[in-house]
Amino acid sequence: MQAGGGHEAEHNAWDSPVAWQDRCMGSSGWSYTVEYQADVNAALQQLRQQVYERGDYHRESRDPDLDMTDEEFRASLAPRDADPERYDAIVEDWLERRSRPEPIDPDTLVAAQPHSGTHSIMDMVNGVSAEPAFATVSPLAADNLMYTFGTVTPTTSQVQAWMSNDTFGERDAWVGTYVVSYHDGRPDHIHFCSRSGD
């Protein structure tokens, strides 16, 4: 799978799909490195599509109840008069889950499993932002770059070493970070990282 301008996207092996599926609850850390391009949002969207096509994400198991008809599902429940409020809540939840889209791309996949997320960069559905925000990636500020790397133009190996230590966890889960790395004074790669999923 190709990323950006033709280099293969890299991601941390400790976040393989198997590792994601073994985590019953809680967010998972993830990081990716792609070739630099000036349009960070374009790089992000290309990477999200590539991760979707590779299948490198958590996918919820389909609930067999969703294959029932309305009549079959209601018949499988305890009688409504036993606890009307609980009965109505169960039916409402079932109808909401049935209304979710069939995944055909990163956005519909996230919409199909809004509570668990995908434990991957696909959860960054709101794109790129100037400041940290939910479900977006935003740049590491210059003072943080200086503190972390001793420079505002870190090398690819510096950023990858930082990501491999999971030190990007200073931001909340579902709040993504990106860092541009440099080679000979020129932008070289874009690195994305965060924690997401539940």
C-alpha atoms as a PDB file:
ATOM      1  CA  MET A   1       0.000   0.000   0.000  1.00  0.00           C
ATOM      2  CA  GLN A   2       1.480   3.308  -1.049  1.00  0.00           C
ATOM      3  CA  ALA A   3       1.327   6.539   0.921  1.00  0.00           C
ATOM      4  CA  GLY A   4       1.815  10.152  -0.026  1.00  0.00           C
ATOM      5  CA  GLY A   5       4.171  10.481  -2.964  1.00  0.00           C
ATOM      6  CA  GLY A   6       4.860   6.801  -3.338  1.00  0.00           C
ATOM      7  CA  HIS A   7       6.609   5.701  -0.146  1.00  0.00           C
ATOM      8  CA  GLU A   8       5.050   2.988   1.932  1.00  0.00           C
ATOM      9  CA  ALA A   9       3.345   4.198   5.120  1.00  0.00           C
ATOM     10  CA  GLU A  10       4.900   2.810   8.270  1.00  0.00           C
ATOM     11  CA  HIS A  11       3.192   2.121  11.559  1.00  0.00           C
ATOM     12  CA  ASN A  12       4.251   0.651  14.881  1.00  0.00           C
ATOM     13  CA  ALA A  13       4.198  -3.135  14.956  1.00  0.00           C
ATOM     14  CA  TRP A  14       3.051  -3.179  18.577  1.00  0.00           C
ATOM     15  CA  ASP A  15      -0.310  -1.976  17.336  1.00  0.00           C
ATOM     16  CA  SER A  16      -1.099  -4.808  14.954  1.00  0.00           C
ATOM     17  CA  PRO A  17      -4.760  -5.652  14.271  1.00  0.00           C
ATOM     18  CA  VAL A  18      -4.376  -8.714  16.540  1.00  0.00           C
ATOM     19  CA  ALA A  19      -3.121  -6.532  19.391  1.00  0.00           C
ATOM     20  CA  TRP A  20      -6.112  -4.218  18.936  1.00  0.00           C
ATOM     21  CA  GLN A  21      -8.615  -7.056  18.985  1.00  0.00           C
ATOM     22  CA  ASP A  22      -7.060  -8.519  22.145  1.00  0.00           C
ATOM     23  CA  ARG A  23      -7.820  -5.317  24.075  1.00  0.00           C
ATOM     24  CA  CYS A  24     -11.323  -5.650  25.458  1.00  0.00           C
ATOM     25  CA  MET A  25     -11.591  -2.027  26.481  1.00  0.00           C
ATOM     26  CA  GLY A  26      -9.595   1.186  26.529  1.00  0.00           C
ATOM     27  CA  SER A  27      -7.865   3.130  23.801  1.00  0.00           C
ATOM     28  CA  SER A  28      -4.947   1.897  21.704  1.00  0.00           C
ATOM     29  CA  GLY A  29      -1.852   3.843  20.729  1.00  0.00           C
ATOM     30  CA  TRP A  30      -1.023   4.180  17.051  1.00  0.00           C
ATOM     31  CA  SER A  31       1.515   6.002  14.901  1.00  0.00           C
ATOM     32  CA  TYR A  32       2.181   6.304  11.177  1.00  0.00           C
ATOM     33  CA  THR A  33       4.901   7.829   9.002  1.00  0.00           C
ATOM     34  CA  VAL A  34       4.247   8.980   5.434  1.00  0.00           C
ATOM     35  CA  GLU A  35       6.224  10.902   2.843  1.00  0.00           C
ATOM     36  CA  TYR A  36       5.943  14.670   3.234  1.00  0.00           C
ATOM     37  CA  GLN A  37       3.483  16.692   1.203  1.00  0.00           C
ATOM     38  CA  ALA A  38       2.525  20.308   1.801  1.00  0.00           C
ATOM     39  CA  ASP A  39      -1.176  19.501   2.235  1.00  0.00           C
ATOM     40  CA  VAL A  40      -1.268  17.704   5.593  1.00  0.00           C
ATOM     41  CA  ASN A  41      -5.006  17.040   5.365  1.00  0.00           C
ATOM     42  CA  ALA A  42      -4.561  15.360   1.972  1.00  0.00           C
ATOM     43  CA  ALA A  43      -1.833  13.175   3.490  1.00  0.00           C
ATOM     44  CA  LEU A  44      -4.132  12.339   6.404  1.00  0.00           C
ATOM     45  CA  GLN A  45      -7.080  11.381   4.196  1.00  0.00           C
ATOM     46  CA  GLN A  46      -4.895   9.269   1.901  1.00  0.00           C
ATOM     47  CA  LEU A  47      -3.494   7.444   4.919  1.00  0.00           C
ATOM     48  CA  ARG A  48      -6.949   6.858   6.422  1.00  0.00           C
ATOM     49  CA  GLN A  49      -8.082   5.305   3.131  1.00  0.00           C
ATOM     50  CA  GLN A  50      -4.982   3.111   2.949  1.00  0.00           C
ATOM     51  CA  VAL A  51      -5.476   1.854   6.516  1.00  0.00           C
ATOM     52  CA  TYR A  52      -9.100   1.048   5.648  1.00  0.00           C
ATOM     53  CA  GLU A  53      -8.092  -0.861   2.525  1.00  0.00           C
ATOM     54  CA  ARG A  54      -5.387  -2.815   4.407  1.00  0.00           C
ATOM     55  CA  GLY A  55      -7.798  -3.763   7.184  1.00  0.00           C
ATOM     56  CA  ASP A  56      -5.391  -2.512   9.860  1.00  0.00           C
ATOM     57  CA  TYR A  57      -8.047  -1.570  12.408  1.00  0.00           C
ATOM     58  CA  HIS A  58     -10.459  -2.922  14.990  1.00  0.00           C
ATOM     59  CA  ARG A  59     -13.770  -4.112  13.545  1.00  0.00           C
ATOM     60  CA  GLU A  60     -16.707  -4.859  15.791  1.00  0.00           C
ATOM     61  CA  SER A  61     -18.257  -8.300  15.430  1.00  0.00           C
ATOM     62  CA  ARG A  62     -21.706  -8.152  13.917  1.00  0.00           C
ATOM     63  CA  ASP A  63     -24.474  -8.739  16.434  1.00  0.00           C
ATOM     64  CA  PRO A  64     -26.714 -11.578  15.157  1.00  0.00           C
ATOM     65  CA  ASP A  65     -29.720  -9.711  16.598  1.00  0.00           C
ATOM     66  CA  LEU A  66     -29.317  -7.176  13.785  1.00  0.00           C
ATOM     67  CA  ASP A  67     -30.282  -9.853  11.247  1.00  0.00           C
ATOM     68  CA  MET A  68     -33.675 -10.351  12.907  1.00  0.00           C
ATOM     69  CA  THR A  69     -36.858  -8.705  11.728  1.00  0.00           C
ATOM     70  CA  ASP A  70     -38.508  -6.225  14.055  1.00  0.00           C
ATOM     71  CA  GLU A  71     -41.119  -8.825  14.974  1.00  0.00           C
ATOM     72  CA  GLU A  72     -38.477 -11.497  15.676  1.00  0.00           C
ATOM     73  CA  PHE A  73     -36.418  -9.184  17.853  1.00  0.00           C
ATOM     74  CA  ARG A  74     -39.379  -8.041  19.924  1.00  0.00           C
ATOM     75  CA  ALA A  75     -40.486 -11.657  20.347  1.00  0.00           C
ATOM     76  CA  SER A  76     -37.042 -12.557  21.727  1.00  0.00           C
ATOM     77  CA  LEU A  77     -37.439 -10.077  24.608  1.00  0.00           C
ATOM     78  CA  ALA A  78     -39.255 -10.488  27.884  1.00  0.00           C
ATOM     79  CA  PRO A  79     -42.848  -9.195  27.691  1.00  0.00           C
ATOM     80  CA  ARG A  80     -43.043  -5.404  27.615  1.00  0.00           C
ATOM     81  CA  ASP A  81     -45.471  -5.189  30.512  1.00  0.00           C
ATOM     82  CA  ALA A  82     -42.833  -6.704  32.834  1.00  0.00           C
ATOM     83  CA  ASP A  83     -40.656  -3.563  32.510  1.00  0.00           C
ATOM     84  CA  PRO A  84     -41.886  -1.138  29.820  1.00  0.00           C
ATOM     85  CA  GLU A  85     -39.065   1.389  30.284  1.00  0.00           C
ATOM     86  CA  ARG A  86     -36.335  -1.232  29.910  1.00  0.00           C
ATOM     87  CA  TYR A  87     -38.128  -2.899  26.990  1.00  0.00           C
ATOM     88  CA  ASP A  88     -38.435   0.412  25.103  1.00  0.00           C
ATOM     89  CA  ALA A  89     -34.770   1.275  25.764  1.00  0.00           C
ATOM     90  CA  ILE A  90     -33.614  -2.090  24.387  1.00  0.00           C
ATOM     91  CA  VAL A  91     -35.737  -1.709  21.254  1.00  0.00           C
ATOM     92  CA  GLU A  92     -34.577   1.880  20.742  1.00  0.00           C
ATOM     93  CA  ASP A  93     -30.932   0.806  21.002  1.00  0.00           C
ATOM     94  CA  TRP A  94     -31.513  -2.048  18.537  1.00  0.00           C
ATOM     95  CA  LEU A  95     -33.196   0.278  16.040  1.00  0.00           C
ATOM     96  CA  GLU A  96     -30.317   2.788  16.340  1.00  0.00           C
ATOM     97  CA  ARG A  97     -27.718   0.065  15.706  1.00  0.00           C
ATOM     98  CA  ARG A  98     -29.682  -1.214  12.708  1.00  0.00           C
ATOM     99  CA  SER A  99     -29.739   2.292  11.211  1.00  0.00           C
ATOM    100  CA  ARG A 100     -25.943   2.628  11.136  1.00  0.00           C
ATOM    101  CA  PRO A 101     -24.367   2.616   7.660  1.00  0.00           C
ATOM    102  CA  GLU A 102     -22.727  -0.381   6.058  1.00  0.00           C
ATOM    103  CA  PRO A 103     -19.007   0.508   5.955  1.00  0.00           C
ATOM    104  CA  ILE A 104     -17.649   1.377   2.527  1.00  0.00           C
ATOM    105  CA  ASP A 105     -14.875   3.795   3.535  1.00  0.00           C
ATOM    106  CA  PRO A 106     -13.166   5.188   6.670  1.00  0.00           C
ATOM    107  CA  ASP A 107     -15.956   7.621   7.570  1.00  0.00           C
ATOM    108  CA  THR A 108     -18.799   5.117   7.265  1.00  0.00           C
ATOM    109  CA  LEU A 109     -16.757   2.569   9.226  1.00  0.00           C
ATOM    110  CA  VAL A 110     -16.355   4.997  12.135  1.00  0.00           C
ATOM    111  CA  ALA A 111     -20.054   5.876  11.902  1.00  0.00           C
ATOM    112  CA  ALA A 112     -20.922   2.172  12.032  1.00  0.00           C
ATOM    113  CA  GLN A 113     -19.098   1.705  15.334  1.00  0.00           C
ATOM    114  CA  PRO A 114     -19.154   5.123  17.024  1.00  0.00           C
ATOM    115  CA  HIS A 115     -18.567   3.896  20.564  1.00  0.00           C
ATOM    116  CA  SER A 116     -15.592   1.588  20.035  1.00  0.00           C
ATOM    117  CA  GLY A 117     -13.891   3.487  17.214  1.00  0.00           C
ATOM    118  CA  THR A 118     -11.361   1.743  14.982  1.00  0.00           C
ATOM    119  CA  HIS A 119      -8.262   2.067  17.208  1.00  0.00           C
ATOM    120  CA  SER A 120      -6.487   3.637  14.239  1.00  0.00           C
ATOM    121  CA  ILE A 121      -5.916   6.944  12.439  1.00  0.00           C
ATOM    122  CA  MET A 122      -9.319   6.491  10.810  1.00  0.00           C
ATOM    123  CA  ASP A 123     -10.798   7.801  14.070  1.00  0.00           C
ATOM    124  CA  MET A 124      -9.478  11.260  13.159  1.00  0.00           C
ATOM    125  CA  VAL A 125     -12.708  12.059  11.306  1.00  0.00           C
ATOM    126  CA  ASN A 126     -12.509  15.832  11.797  1.00  0.00           C
ATOM    127  CA  GLY A 127      -9.279  16.262   9.835  1.00  0.00           C
ATOM    128  CA  VAL A 128      -6.517  18.738  10.667  1.00  0.00           C
ATOM    129  CA  SER A 129      -6.776  21.557  13.208  1.00  0.00           C
ATOM    130  CA  ALA A 130      -4.425  24.317  14.321  1.00  0.00           C
ATOM    131  CA  GLU A 131      -4.915  23.427  17.998  1.00  0.00           C
ATOM    132  CA  PRO A 132      -5.557  20.078  19.734  1.00  0.00           C
ATOM    133  CA  ALA A 133      -9.196  19.048  19.343  1.00  0.00           C
ATOM    134  CA  PHE A 134     -11.297  15.893  19.427  1.00  0.00           C
ATOM    135  CA  ALA A 135     -10.881  13.544  16.438  1.00  0.00           C
ATOM    136  CA  THR A 136      -8.375  15.819  14.709  1.00  0.00           C
ATOM    137  CA  VAL A 137      -4.619  15.901  14.232  1.00  0.00           C
ATOM    138  CA  SER A 138      -2.778  19.128  15.047  1.00  0.00           C
ATOM    139  CA  PRO A 139       0.900  20.061  14.976  1.00  0.00           C
ATOM    140  CA  LEU A 140       3.198  19.776  17.948  1.00  0.00           C
ATOM    141  CA  ALA A 141       3.848  23.393  18.962  1.00  0.00           C
ATOM    142  CA  ALA A 142       7.311  24.920  18.432  1.00  0.00           C
ATOM    143  CA  ASP A 143       8.090  25.050  22.164  1.00  0.00           C
ATOM    144  CA  ASN A 144       7.153  21.367  22.471  1.00  0.00           C
ATOM    145  CA  LEU A 145       9.368  20.533  19.486  1.00  0.00           C
ATOM    146  CA  MET A 146      12.283  22.326  21.147  1.00  0.00           C
ATOM    147  CA  TYR A 147      11.654  20.620  24.481  1.00  0.00           C
ATOM    148  CA  THR A 148      11.284  17.169  22.920  1.00  0.00           C
ATOM    149  CA  PHE A 149      13.884  17.218  20.145  1.00  0.00           C
ATOM    150  CA  GLY A 150      16.065  20.246  20.886  1.00  0.00           C
ATOM    151  CA  THR A 151      15.118  21.647  17.472  1.00  0.00           C
ATOM    152  CA  VAL A 152      12.068  22.656  15.454  1.00  0.00           C
ATOM    153  CA  THR A 153      13.356  20.559  12.534  1.00  0.00           C
ATOM    154  CA  PRO A 154      13.748  17.037  13.970  1.00  0.00           C
ATOM    155  CA  THR A 155      14.947  14.148  11.821  1.00  0.00           C
ATOM    156  CA  THR A 156      12.773  11.197  10.856  1.00  0.00           C
ATOM    157  CA  SER A 157      14.680   8.877  13.209  1.00  0.00           C
ATOM    158  CA  GLN A 158      14.201  11.304  16.122  1.00  0.00           C
ATOM    159  CA  VAL A 159      10.449  11.474  15.610  1.00  0.00           C
ATOM    160  CA  GLN A 160      10.068   7.727  15.126  1.00  0.00           C
ATOM    161  CA  ALA A 161      12.044   7.051  18.318  1.00  0.00           C
ATOM    162  CA  TRP A 162       9.782   9.503  20.189  1.00  0.00           C
ATOM    163  CA  MET A 163       6.643   7.819  18.853  1.00  0.00           C
ATOM    164  CA  SER A 164       7.918   4.321  19.669  1.00  0.00           C
ATOM    165  CA  ASN A 165       8.233   5.310  23.336  1.00  0.00           C
ATOM    166  CA  ASP A 166       4.533   6.291  23.441  1.00  0.00           C
ATOM    167  CA  THR A 167       5.506   9.668  24.900  1.00  0.00           C
ATOM    168  CA  PHE A 168       2.929  11.330  22.646  1.00  0.00           C
ATOM    169  CA  GLY A 169       0.385  10.236  25.242  1.00  0.00           C
ATOM    170  CA  GLU A 170       0.558  13.696  26.838  1.00  0.00           C
ATOM    171  CA  ARG A 171      -2.535  14.565  24.802  1.00  0.00           C
ATOM    172  CA  ASP A 172      -5.899  13.059  25.573  1.00  0.00           C
ATOM    173  CA  ALA A 173      -7.130   9.989  23.727  1.00  0.00           C
ATOM    174  CA  TRP A 174      -8.841  10.819  20.421  1.00  0.00           C
ATOM    175  CA  VAL A 175      -6.703  13.980  20.091  1.00  0.00           C
ATOM    176  CA  GLY A 176      -4.102  13.418  17.366  1.00  0.00           C
ATOM    177  CA  THR A 177      -0.650  14.902  16.828  1.00  0.00           C
ATOM    178  CA  TYR A 178       1.422  15.348  13.722  1.00  0.00           C
ATOM    179  CA  VAL A 179       5.095  16.239  13.386  1.00  0.00           C
ATOM    180  CA  VAL A 180       7.016  17.080  10.209  1.00  0.00           C
ATOM    181  CA  SER A 181      10.540  15.660  10.136  1.00  0.00           C
ATOM    182  CA  TYR A 182      13.413  17.049   8.082  1.00  0.00           C
ATOM    183  CA  HIS A 183      16.417  15.899   6.073  1.00  0.00           C
ATOM    184  CA  ASP A 184      19.128  18.361   5.040  1.00  0.00           C
ATOM    185  CA  GLY A 185      16.864  21.228   6.055  1.00  0.00           C
ATOM    186  CA  ARG A 186      13.919  20.144   3.924  1.00  0.00           C
ATOM    187  CA  PRO A 187      10.635  18.534   5.016  1.00  0.00           C
ATOM    188  CA  ASP A 188      10.982  14.768   4.694  1.00  0.00           C
ATOM    189  CA  HIS A 189       8.069  12.956   6.361  1.00  0.00           C
ATOM    190  CA  ILE A 190       4.837  13.578   8.234  1.00  0.00           C
ATOM    191  CA  HIS A 191       4.321  11.544  11.404  1.00  0.00           C
ATOM    192  CA  PHE A 192       0.861  11.023  12.920  1.00  0.00           C
ATOM    193  CA  CYS A 193       0.199   9.612  16.368  1.00  0.00           C
ATOM    194  CA  SER A 194      -2.438   9.398  19.091  1.00  0.00           C
ATOM    195  CA  ARG A 195      -4.550   6.995  21.091  1.00  0.00           C
ATOM    196  CA  SER A 196      -8.147   6.214  20.170  1.00  0.00           C
ATOM    197  CA  GLY A 197     -10.851   3.609  20.446  1.00  0.00           C
ATOM    198  CA  ASP A 198     -12.614   2.101  23.440  1.00  0.00           C
END
